[in-house]
Amino acid sequence: MTTIKINERTKTGKAFMAMFEAFFKGVDGIEIVEPAYEQLNEKSSIYTSEFVEKVKKAEENIKNGETTTLNPDDIWGSLGLK
């Protein structure tokens, strides 16, 4: 089995895919396999449940005004670590 990586966002990649599909679509022994990230459906996620919960908690904290404002000139002082 040979693997060819094609960047379909480039002009050359688009042209190659168009040519490939025109010549080899339906030919036995040749199959286009999508990368794993393109095979994900809406129900599956690349994120762990712990990460999703942390993001949701952070969004909730922001809505409730429970945030820390950092002063870029004094980050440690902003965190109360001085």
Protein backbone atom coordinates (compact mmCIF):
# COMPACT_ATOMS: atom_id res chain seq x y z
CA MET A 1 0.00 0.00 0.00
CA THR A 2 1.29 3.47 -0.89
CA THR A 3 0.18 6.64 0.82
CA ILE A 4 0.19 10.01 -0.92
CA LYS A 5 -0.46 13.19 1.06
CA ILE A 6 -2.22 15.89 -0.95
CA ASN A 7 -2.95 19.38 0.30
CA GLU A 8 -6.35 19.95 -1.28
CA ARG A 9 -6.22 23.63 -0.32
CA THR A 10 -3.54 24.36 -2.89
CA LYS A 11 -4.09 24.89 -6.60
CA THR A 12 -1.90 21.90 -7.43
CA GLY A 13 -3.64 19.69 -4.87
CA LYS A 14 -7.07 20.59 -6.24
CA ALA A 15 -5.93 19.91 -9.80
CA PHE A 16 -4.42 16.56 -8.83
CA MET A 17 -7.60 15.45 -7.05
CA ALA A 18 -9.77 16.49 -10.00
CA MET A 19 -7.53 14.53 -12.39
CA PHE A 20 -7.35 11.53 -10.06
CA GLU A 21 -11.11 11.36 -9.63
CA ALA A 22 -11.67 11.73 -13.39
CA PHE A 23 -9.31 8.88 -14.29
CA PHE A 24 -9.64 6.46 -11.40
CA LYS A 25 -13.13 6.80 -9.92
CA GLY A 26 -14.69 3.34 -9.65
CA VAL A 27 -11.52 1.47 -10.58
CA ASP A 28 -10.97 -1.71 -8.55
CA GLY A 29 -7.91 -1.60 -6.32
CA ILE A 30 -7.78 2.19 -5.97
CA GLU A 31 -9.57 3.93 -3.15
CA ILE A 32 -9.48 7.47 -1.78
CA VAL A 33 -9.25 7.31 2.02
CA GLU A 34 -10.02 10.53 3.87
CA PRO A 35 -7.77 11.53 6.79
CA ALA A 36 -9.06 10.61 10.23
CA TYR A 37 -9.94 14.20 11.12
CA GLU A 38 -12.24 14.42 8.10
CA GLN A 39 -13.99 11.18 9.06
CA LEU A 40 -15.23 12.62 12.35
CA ASN A 41 -18.95 13.17 12.51
CA GLU A 42 -20.86 15.69 14.60
CA LYS A 43 -21.30 13.28 17.51
CA SER A 44 -17.62 12.44 17.91
CA SER A 45 -15.09 14.94 19.17
CA ILE A 46 -11.34 15.32 19.12
CA TYR A 47 -11.54 16.83 22.61
CA THR A 48 -11.60 14.88 25.87
CA SER A 49 -14.60 15.24 28.14
CA GLU A 50 -12.38 16.83 30.83
CA PHE A 51 -11.24 19.54 28.41
CA VAL A 52 -14.81 20.26 27.29
CA GLU A 53 -15.89 20.61 30.93
CA LYS A 54 -13.02 23.03 31.67
CA VAL A 55 -13.99 25.20 28.70
CA LYS A 56 -17.65 25.21 29.73
CA LYS A 57 -16.68 26.12 33.30
CA ALA A 58 -14.47 28.96 32.04
CA GLU A 59 -17.33 30.29 29.86
CA GLU A 60 -19.65 30.17 32.87
CA ASN A 61 -17.09 32.04 35.02
CA ILE A 62 -16.76 34.74 32.37
CA LYS A 63 -20.55 35.17 32.19
CA ASN A 64 -20.69 35.48 35.99
CA GLY A 65 -17.88 38.04 36.05
CA GLU A 66 -15.55 35.66 37.86
CA THR A 67 -12.41 36.51 35.93
CA THR A 68 -8.95 37.83 36.71
CA THR A 69 -7.67 40.85 34.80
CA LEU A 70 -3.93 40.78 34.19
CA ASN A 71 -1.79 43.88 33.98
CA PRO A 72 0.79 43.11 31.27
CA ASP A 73 3.30 45.37 33.02
CA ASP A 74 2.93 43.50 36.35
CA ILE A 75 1.60 39.98 35.76
CA TRP A 76 2.82 38.55 39.09
CA GLY A 77 1.29 41.46 40.95
CA SER A 78 -2.00 40.97 39.10
CA LEU A 79 -2.08 37.39 40.34
CA GLY A 80 -1.28 38.47 43.92
CA LEU A 81 2.02 36.58 43.87
CA LYS A 82 4.34 39.45 44.76
